[in-house]
Amino acid sequence: MGLESLSFREMAPEDADAVEIVEKACFAIPWSRESFWKEAANENTVYLLALDGERVIGYAGCWISFEECQITNVAILPEYRGQGIGTKLFGAIIEAVKAKGVTAMTLEVRPSNAPARALYARYGFKDAGRRPHYYQDDGEDAIIMWNTKL
């Protein structure tokens, strides 16, 4: 894929089917299509889609609570990884939430997910703790990361 066809836009409820395809390709315990439909309709969330032309190839989402937000998911279809799409998408969601008054962000990430941890560190996220046995599929811990200087 050439990155010249890459674009981003907010997720709408009618995108739930396409987002579910990305979710199932990326996660052992995927969220349902209905979950994405509800997230897209919620005024306290921001979900951005990464598009290759019209095809949904990734997404990032977060819940906003006052001036803080919690990243819920970041996913790129496996065949599109390693091309900088996740980096651009993550930057785009940070800009979107900053425009809504967010000044701090948090997320959980697997210790074994070195590419994601490097991405988050590039955007100023720092390790702030651990959640033991956080991931249901294999019991892996989660590293809690924060960026409080958006």
N, C-alpha and C. Protein backbone atom coordinates (compact mmCIF):
# COMPACT_ATOMS: atom_id res chain seq x y z
N MET A 1 0.84 -1.18 0.00
CA MET A 1 0.00 0.00 0.00
C MET A 1 0.87 1.23 0.00
N GLY A 2 0.59 2.17 -0.87
CA GLY A 2 1.27 3.45 -0.82
C GLY A 2 0.58 4.35 0.18
N LEU A 3 1.35 5.03 0.99
CA LEU A 3 0.76 5.88 2.02
C LEU A 3 0.03 7.08 1.43
N GLU A 4 0.17 7.34 0.13
CA GLU A 4 -0.54 8.46 -0.47
C GLU A 4 -2.05 8.27 -0.43
N SER A 5 -2.52 7.03 -0.27
CA SER A 5 -3.97 6.79 -0.20
C SER A 5 -4.47 6.74 1.25
N LEU A 6 -3.60 7.02 2.21
CA LEU A 6 -3.96 6.97 3.63
C LEU A 6 -4.73 8.22 4.03
N SER A 7 -5.84 8.01 4.74
CA SER A 7 -6.57 9.13 5.32
C SER A 7 -7.16 8.69 6.65
N PHE A 8 -7.61 9.67 7.43
CA PHE A 8 -8.21 9.42 8.73
C PHE A 8 -9.55 10.15 8.80
N ARG A 9 -10.49 9.54 9.52
CA ARG A 9 -11.75 10.21 9.80
C ARG A 9 -12.36 9.60 11.05
N GLU A 10 -13.33 10.34 11.65
CA GLU A 10 -14.00 9.81 12.83
C GLU A 10 -14.88 8.62 12.45
N MET A 11 -14.97 7.67 13.35
CA MET A 11 -15.81 6.49 13.15
C MET A 11 -17.26 6.88 13.36
N ALA A 12 -18.12 6.36 12.52
CA ALA A 12 -19.57 6.52 12.66
C ALA A 12 -20.16 5.15 12.99
N PRO A 13 -21.37 5.10 13.56
CA PRO A 13 -21.97 3.81 13.88
C PRO A 13 -22.01 2.84 12.70
N GLU A 14 -22.21 3.34 11.51
CA GLU A 14 -22.29 2.45 10.34
C GLU A 14 -20.94 1.84 9.96
N ASP A 15 -19.85 2.28 10.59
CA ASP A 15 -18.52 1.69 10.36
C ASP A 15 -18.26 0.45 11.21
N ALA A 16 -19.20 0.09 12.08
CA ALA A 16 -18.97 -0.99 13.05
C ALA A 16 -18.57 -2.31 12.38
N ASP A 17 -19.18 -2.67 11.26
CA ASP A 17 -18.84 -3.93 10.60
C ASP A 17 -17.38 -3.94 10.14
N ALA A 18 -16.95 -2.85 9.52
CA ALA A 18 -15.57 -2.77 9.02
C ALA A 18 -14.57 -2.76 10.17
N VAL A 19 -14.89 -2.09 11.26
CA VAL A 19 -14.00 -2.05 12.41
C VAL A 19 -13.91 -3.41 13.07
N GLU A 20 -15.02 -4.14 13.10
CA GLU A 20 -15.01 -5.48 13.68
C GLU A 20 -14.04 -6.40 12.91
N ILE A 21 -13.93 -6.23 11.60
CA ILE A 21 -12.99 -7.03 10.80
C ILE A 21 -11.56 -6.78 11.26
N VAL A 22 -11.21 -5.50 11.47
CA VAL A 22 -9.87 -5.15 11.96
C VAL A 22 -9.66 -5.74 13.35
N GLU A 23 -10.65 -5.59 14.21
CA GLU A 23 -10.57 -6.08 15.59
C GLU A 23 -10.29 -7.58 15.63
N LYS A 24 -11.03 -8.35 14.84
CA LYS A 24 -10.86 -9.81 14.84
C LYS A 24 -9.50 -10.22 14.29
N ALA A 25 -8.95 -9.42 13.38
CA ALA A 25 -7.63 -9.73 12.81
C ALA A 25 -6.50 -9.40 13.78
N CYS A 26 -6.78 -8.58 14.80
CA CYS A 26 -5.72 -8.07 15.67
C CYS A 26 -5.74 -8.60 17.10
N PHE A 27 -6.89 -9.05 17.60
CA PHE A 27 -6.99 -9.38 19.01
C PHE A 27 -7.55 -10.78 19.24
N ALA A 28 -6.98 -11.49 20.21
CA ALA A 28 -7.43 -12.84 20.55
C ALA A 28 -8.84 -12.84 21.13
N ILE A 29 -9.17 -11.81 21.88
CA ILE A 29 -10.52 -11.66 22.44
C ILE A 29 -11.08 -10.34 21.92
N PRO A 30 -11.67 -10.37 20.73
CA PRO A 30 -12.11 -9.11 20.10
C PRO A 30 -13.39 -8.56 20.69
N TRP A 31 -13.53 -7.23 20.57
CA TRP A 31 -14.79 -6.58 20.90
C TRP A 31 -15.79 -6.93 19.80
N SER A 32 -17.07 -6.84 20.10
CA SER A 32 -18.12 -7.14 19.12
C SER A 32 -18.43 -5.92 18.25
N ARG A 33 -19.09 -6.20 17.14
CA ARG A 33 -19.56 -5.13 16.26
C ARG A 33 -20.48 -4.19 17.05
N GLU A 34 -21.33 -4.76 17.90
CA GLU A 34 -22.25 -3.94 18.69
C GLU A 34 -21.50 -2.99 19.62
N SER A 35 -20.38 -3.46 20.18
CA SER A 35 -19.57 -2.59 21.04
C SER A 35 -19.07 -1.38 20.28
N PHE A 36 -18.62 -1.60 19.05
CA PHE A 36 -18.13 -0.47 18.25
C PHE A 36 -19.26 0.46 17.84
N TRP A 37 -20.42 -0.09 17.58
CA TRP A 37 -21.56 0.75 17.24
C TRP A 37 -21.88 1.67 18.41
N LYS A 38 -21.90 1.11 19.63
CA LYS A 38 -22.17 1.91 20.82
C LYS A 38 -21.08 2.95 21.06
N GLU A 39 -19.81 2.56 20.86
CA GLU A 39 -18.71 3.50 21.06
C GLU A 39 -18.82 4.68 20.09
N ALA A 40 -19.15 4.39 18.83
CA ALA A 40 -19.26 5.46 17.83
C ALA A 40 -20.39 6.42 18.14
N ALA A 41 -21.43 5.94 18.81
CA ALA A 41 -22.58 6.77 19.13
C ALA A 41 -22.41 7.53 20.46
N ASN A 42 -21.35 7.25 21.20
CA ASN A 42 -21.14 7.84 22.52
C ASN A 42 -20.42 9.19 22.38
N GLU A 43 -21.00 10.23 22.97
CA GLU A 43 -20.40 11.56 22.85
C GLU A 43 -19.12 11.73 23.67
N ASN A 44 -18.83 10.78 24.57
CA ASN A 44 -17.62 10.85 25.39
C ASN A 44 -16.50 9.97 24.86
N THR A 45 -16.57 9.60 23.59
CA THR A 45 -15.51 8.82 22.97
C THR A 45 -15.01 9.53 21.73
N VAL A 46 -13.79 9.20 21.35
CA VAL A 46 -13.25 9.59 20.05
C VAL A 46 -12.66 8.33 19.44
N TYR A 47 -13.13 7.96 18.28
CA TYR A 47 -12.59 6.85 17.52
C TYR A 47 -12.24 7.35 16.14
N LEU A 48 -10.99 7.17 15.75
CA LEU A 48 -10.55 7.55 14.41
C LEU A 48 -10.26 6.30 13.61
N LEU A 49 -10.62 6.34 12.35
CA LEU A 49 -10.34 5.25 11.43
C LEU A 49 -9.16 5.61 10.55
N ALA A 50 -8.33 4.63 10.24
CA ALA A 50 -7.30 4.75 9.21
C ALA A 50 -7.87 4.09 7.97
N LEU A 51 -7.84 4.78 6.85
CA LEU A 51 -8.42 4.29 5.61
C LEU A 51 -7.38 4.21 4.51
N ASP A 52 -7.45 3.13 3.74
CA ASP A 52 -6.70 2.99 2.49
C ASP A 52 -7.76 3.14 1.41
N GLY A 53 -7.86 4.33 0.85
CA GLY A 53 -8.99 4.63 -0.02
C GLY A 53 -10.25 4.62 0.81
N GLU A 54 -11.16 3.68 0.54
CA GLU A 54 -12.39 3.55 1.33
C GLU A 54 -12.30 2.41 2.34
N ARG A 55 -11.25 1.59 2.28
CA ARG A 55 -11.13 0.42 3.15
C ARG A 55 -10.63 0.81 4.54
N VAL A 56 -11.34 0.38 5.57
CA VAL A 56 -10.90 0.58 6.95
C VAL A 56 -9.76 -0.40 7.21
N ILE A 57 -8.57 0.15 7.52
CA ILE A 57 -7.39 -0.70 7.75
C ILE A 57 -6.89 -0.61 9.19
N GLY A 58 -7.49 0.27 9.97
CA GLY A 58 -7.09 0.41 11.36
C GLY A 58 -7.98 1.41 12.07
N TYR A 59 -7.80 1.47 13.37
CA TYR A 59 -8.55 2.43 14.16
C TYR A 59 -7.84 2.66 15.48
N ALA A 60 -8.16 3.76 16.11
CA ALA A 60 -7.72 4.06 17.47
C ALA A 60 -8.91 4.70 18.18
N GLY A 61 -9.07 4.36 19.45
CA GLY A 61 -10.20 4.90 20.18
C GLY A 61 -9.85 5.25 21.60
N CYS A 62 -10.66 6.14 22.18
CA CYS A 62 -10.46 6.51 23.57
C CYS A 62 -11.75 7.00 24.19
N TRP A 63 -11.78 6.91 25.51
CA TRP A 63 -12.87 7.45 26.31
C TRP A 63 -12.37 8.73 26.95
N ILE A 64 -13.19 9.77 26.91
CA ILE A 64 -12.82 11.06 27.51
C ILE A 64 -13.62 11.27 28.78
N SER A 65 -12.90 11.66 29.83
CA SER A 65 -13.52 12.04 31.10
C SER A 65 -12.89 13.35 31.54
N PHE A 66 -13.62 14.43 31.35
CA PHE A 66 -13.12 15.77 31.65
C PHE A 66 -11.86 16.03 30.86
N GLU A 67 -10.73 16.31 31.51
CA GLU A 67 -9.51 16.65 30.77
C GLU A 67 -8.58 15.46 30.56
N GLU A 68 -9.05 14.26 30.89
CA GLU A 68 -8.24 13.06 30.71
C GLU A 68 -8.91 12.11 29.72
N CYS A 69 -8.08 11.30 29.07
CA CYS A 69 -8.66 10.25 28.24
C CYS A 69 -7.89 8.96 28.39
N GLN A 70 -8.61 7.86 28.18
CA GLN A 70 -8.09 6.51 28.28
C GLN A 70 -8.12 5.92 26.88
N ILE A 71 -6.95 5.59 26.34
CA ILE A 71 -6.90 4.90 25.05
C ILE A 71 -7.44 3.50 25.27
N THR A 72 -8.43 3.11 24.49
CA THR A 72 -9.03 1.78 24.63
C THR A 72 -8.40 0.78 23.67
N ASN A 73 -8.19 1.19 22.44
CA ASN A 73 -7.68 0.28 21.42
C ASN A 73 -6.90 1.05 20.37
N VAL A 74 -5.86 0.42 19.86
CA VAL A 74 -5.16 0.88 18.66
C VAL A 74 -4.90 -0.39 17.86
N ALA A 75 -5.36 -0.42 16.62
CA ALA A 75 -5.21 -1.63 15.82
C ALA A 75 -5.00 -1.29 14.35
N ILE A 76 -4.08 -1.99 13.73
CA ILE A 76 -3.81 -1.87 12.30
C ILE A 76 -3.83 -3.29 11.73
N LEU A 77 -4.50 -3.49 10.60
CA LEU A 77 -4.51 -4.81 9.98
C LEU A 77 -3.08 -5.31 9.80
N PRO A 78 -2.82 -6.59 10.07
CA PRO A 78 -1.45 -7.11 10.01
C PRO A 78 -0.72 -6.79 8.70
N GLU A 79 -1.39 -6.86 7.57
CA GLU A 79 -0.71 -6.61 6.30
C GLU A 79 -0.34 -5.14 6.07
N TYR A 80 -0.82 -4.25 6.93
CA TYR A 80 -0.50 -2.82 6.81
C TYR A 80 0.48 -2.34 7.87
N ARG A 81 0.92 -3.25 8.74
CA ARG A 81 1.84 -2.85 9.82
C ARG A 81 3.23 -2.57 9.27
N GLY A 82 4.01 -1.80 10.03
CA GLY A 82 5.40 -1.52 9.67
C GLY A 82 5.55 -0.44 8.63
N GLN A 83 4.50 0.31 8.35
CA GLN A 83 4.55 1.36 7.34
C GLN A 83 4.33 2.75 7.93
N GLY A 84 4.29 2.85 9.25
CA GLY A 84 4.11 4.15 9.89
C GLY A 84 2.66 4.58 10.05
N ILE A 85 1.73 3.71 9.70
CA ILE A 85 0.31 4.06 9.78
C ILE A 85 -0.13 4.23 11.23
N GLY A 86 0.28 3.30 12.10
CA GLY A 86 -0.07 3.40 13.51
C GLY A 86 0.47 4.66 14.15
N THR A 87 1.68 5.04 13.78
CA THR A 87 2.28 6.27 14.30
C THR A 87 1.46 7.49 13.90
N LYS A 88 1.08 7.56 12.64
CA LYS A 88 0.29 8.70 12.17
C LYS A 88 -1.11 8.70 12.80
N LEU A 89 -1.71 7.53 12.91
CA LEU A 89 -3.03 7.41 13.52
C LEU A 89 -2.99 7.84 14.98
N PHE A 90 -1.97 7.40 15.70
CA PHE A 90 -1.85 7.75 17.12
C PHE A 90 -1.66 9.27 17.27
N GLY A 91 -0.85 9.86 16.41
CA GLY A 91 -0.70 11.31 16.44
C GLY A 91 -2.01 12.03 16.15
N ALA A 92 -2.78 11.49 15.22
CA ALA A 92 -4.06 12.10 14.86
C ALA A 92 -5.06 12.03 16.02
N ILE A 93 -5.08 10.92 16.75
CA ILE A 93 -6.04 10.84 17.86
C ILE A 93 -5.61 11.76 19.00
N ILE A 94 -4.32 11.92 19.21
CA ILE A 94 -3.86 12.87 20.23
C ILE A 94 -4.32 14.28 19.88
N GLU A 95 -4.16 14.66 18.63
CA GLU A 95 -4.61 16.00 18.20
C GLU A 95 -6.12 16.15 18.35
N ALA A 96 -6.87 15.10 18.03
CA ALA A 96 -8.33 15.16 18.14
C ALA A 96 -8.78 15.36 19.58
N VAL A 97 -8.16 14.68 20.53
CA VAL A 97 -8.59 14.83 21.92
C VAL A 97 -8.08 16.13 22.53
N LYS A 98 -6.90 16.58 22.10
CA LYS A 98 -6.42 17.88 22.57
C LYS A 98 -7.40 18.99 22.16
N ALA A 99 -7.98 18.87 20.96
CA ALA A 99 -8.95 19.85 20.49
C ALA A 99 -10.21 19.85 21.35
N LYS A 100 -10.44 18.76 22.09
CA LYS A 100 -11.59 18.66 23.00
C LYS A 100 -11.21 19.01 24.43
N GLY A 101 -10.00 19.54 24.66
CA GLY A 101 -9.59 19.98 25.98
C GLY A 101 -8.85 18.96 26.82
N VAL A 102 -8.51 17.82 26.24
CA VAL A 102 -7.79 16.79 26.99
C VAL A 102 -6.34 17.23 27.21
N THR A 103 -5.85 17.06 28.44
CA THR A 103 -4.48 17.45 28.77
C THR A 103 -3.64 16.26 29.26
N ALA A 104 -4.27 15.10 29.46
CA ALA A 104 -3.54 13.91 29.92
C ALA A 104 -4.19 12.67 29.33
N MET A 105 -3.35 11.68 29.00
CA MET A 105 -3.83 10.43 28.43
C MET A 105 -3.18 9.26 29.14
N THR A 106 -3.92 8.15 29.21
CA THR A 106 -3.40 6.92 29.78
C THR A 106 -3.79 5.75 28.89
N LEU A 107 -3.08 4.65 29.07
CA LEU A 107 -3.36 3.43 28.33
C LEU A 107 -2.69 2.27 29.03
N GLU A 108 -3.10 1.06 28.66
CA GLU A 108 -2.44 -0.16 29.10
C GLU A 108 -1.85 -0.84 27.88
N VAL A 109 -0.68 -1.45 28.05
CA VAL A 109 -0.01 -2.14 26.95
C VAL A 109 0.69 -3.37 27.49
N ARG A 110 0.75 -4.39 26.65
CA ARG A 110 1.45 -5.62 27.05
C ARG A 110 2.96 -5.34 27.13
N PRO A 111 3.63 -5.85 28.16
CA PRO A 111 5.09 -5.73 28.21
C PRO A 111 5.76 -6.34 26.98
N SER A 112 5.14 -7.38 26.42
CA SER A 112 5.71 -8.06 25.25
C SER A 112 5.51 -7.31 23.94
N ASN A 113 4.71 -6.23 23.95
CA ASN A 113 4.42 -5.51 22.71
C ASN A 113 5.41 -4.35 22.53
N ALA A 114 6.63 -4.71 22.18
CA ALA A 114 7.70 -3.70 22.05
C ALA A 114 7.38 -2.62 21.02
N PRO A 115 6.82 -2.94 19.85
CA PRO A 115 6.53 -1.87 18.89
C PRO A 115 5.54 -0.84 19.45
N ALA A 116 4.49 -1.30 20.13
CA ALA A 116 3.52 -0.37 20.70
C ALA A 116 4.16 0.46 21.82
N ARG A 117 4.93 -0.18 22.67
CA ARG A 117 5.58 0.57 23.76
C ARG A 117 6.50 1.65 23.21
N ALA A 118 7.23 1.34 22.14
CA ALA A 118 8.12 2.33 21.52
C ALA A 118 7.31 3.48 20.93
N LEU A 119 6.20 3.16 20.29
CA LEU A 119 5.33 4.20 19.72
C LEU A 119 4.84 5.13 20.82
N TYR A 120 4.32 4.57 21.90
CA TYR A 120 3.78 5.40 22.97
C TYR A 120 4.87 6.25 23.62
N ALA A 121 6.06 5.69 23.80
CA ALA A 121 7.17 6.46 24.36
C ALA A 121 7.53 7.63 23.45
N ARG A 122 7.48 7.42 22.13
CA ARG A 122 7.76 8.50 21.18
C ARG A 122 6.80 9.67 21.36
N TYR A 123 5.59 9.37 21.80
CA TYR A 123 4.59 10.41 22.02
C TYR A 123 4.55 10.88 23.48
N GLY A 124 5.59 10.59 24.24
CA GLY A 124 5.73 11.14 25.59
C GLY A 124 5.09 10.34 26.70
N PHE A 125 4.65 9.12 26.41
CA PHE A 125 4.05 8.29 27.46
C PHE A 125 5.16 7.65 28.29
N LYS A 126 4.93 7.59 29.60
CA LYS A 126 5.90 7.02 30.53
C LYS A 126 5.23 5.91 31.34
N ASP A 127 6.02 4.88 31.69
CA ASP A 127 5.51 3.80 32.54
C ASP A 127 5.11 4.38 33.90
N ALA A 128 3.92 3.96 34.37
CA ALA A 128 3.42 4.48 35.65
C ALA A 128 2.97 3.38 36.60
N GLY A 129 3.04 2.13 36.16
CA GLY A 129 2.63 1.03 37.03
C GLY A 129 2.30 -0.20 36.21
N ARG A 130 1.81 -1.21 36.91
CA ARG A 130 1.45 -2.49 36.26
C ARG A 130 0.11 -2.96 36.76
N ARG A 131 -0.61 -3.63 35.89
CA ARG A 131 -1.83 -4.34 36.28
C ARG A 131 -1.54 -5.83 36.12
N PRO A 132 -1.34 -6.54 37.24
CA PRO A 132 -1.03 -7.97 37.15
C PRO A 132 -2.14 -8.77 36.47
N HIS A 133 -1.75 -9.69 35.62
CA HIS A 133 -2.66 -10.64 34.96
C HIS A 133 -3.83 -9.94 34.27
N TYR A 134 -3.57 -8.81 33.62
CA TYR A 134 -4.60 -7.96 33.03
C TYR A 134 -5.26 -8.58 31.81
N TYR A 135 -4.47 -9.22 30.96
CA TYR A 135 -5.01 -9.73 29.69
C TYR A 135 -5.64 -11.10 29.88
N GLN A 136 -6.91 -11.22 29.48
CA GLN A 136 -7.69 -12.43 29.72
C GLN A 136 -7.21 -13.61 28.89
N ASP A 137 -6.66 -13.38 27.71
CA ASP A 137 -6.31 -14.50 26.85
C ASP A 137 -5.12 -15.30 27.37
N ASP A 138 -4.15 -14.62 28.02
CA ASP A 138 -2.96 -15.35 28.47
C ASP A 138 -2.47 -14.94 29.86
N GLY A 139 -3.19 -14.02 30.52
CA GLY A 139 -2.81 -13.61 31.86
C GLY A 139 -1.61 -12.68 31.94
N GLU A 140 -1.15 -12.19 30.79
CA GLU A 140 0.01 -11.27 30.80
C GLU A 140 -0.36 -10.00 31.56
N ASP A 141 0.62 -9.43 32.25
CA ASP A 141 0.43 -8.15 32.92
C ASP A 141 0.21 -7.05 31.89
N ALA A 142 -0.24 -5.90 32.35
CA ALA A 142 -0.29 -4.70 31.52
C ALA A 142 0.59 -3.64 32.16
N ILE A 143 1.31 -2.92 31.34
CA ILE A 143 2.03 -1.74 31.80
C ILE A 143 1.07 -0.56 31.64
N ILE A 144 0.90 0.20 32.70
CA ILE A 144 0.09 1.42 32.64
C ILE A 144 1.03 2.54 32.23
N MET A 145 0.65 3.28 31.20
CA MET A 145 1.47 4.41 30.73
C MET A 145 0.62 5.68 30.76
N TRP A 146 1.27 6.80 31.06
CA TRP A 146 0.61 8.10 31.10
C TRP A 146 1.42 9.13 30.32
N ASN A 147 0.70 10.05 29.72
CA ASN A 147 1.29 11.29 29.21
C ASN A 147 0.46 12.40 29.83
N THR A 148 1.07 13.16 30.74
CA THR A 148 0.36 14.23 31.44
C THR A 148 0.75 15.61 30.93
N LYS A 149 1.43 15.64 29.78
CA LYS A 149 1.91 16.93 29.24
C LYS A 149 1.53 17.11 27.79
N LEU A 150 0.25 16.90 27.48
CA LEU A 150 -0.20 17.06 26.09
C LEU A 150 -0.17 18.51 25.67
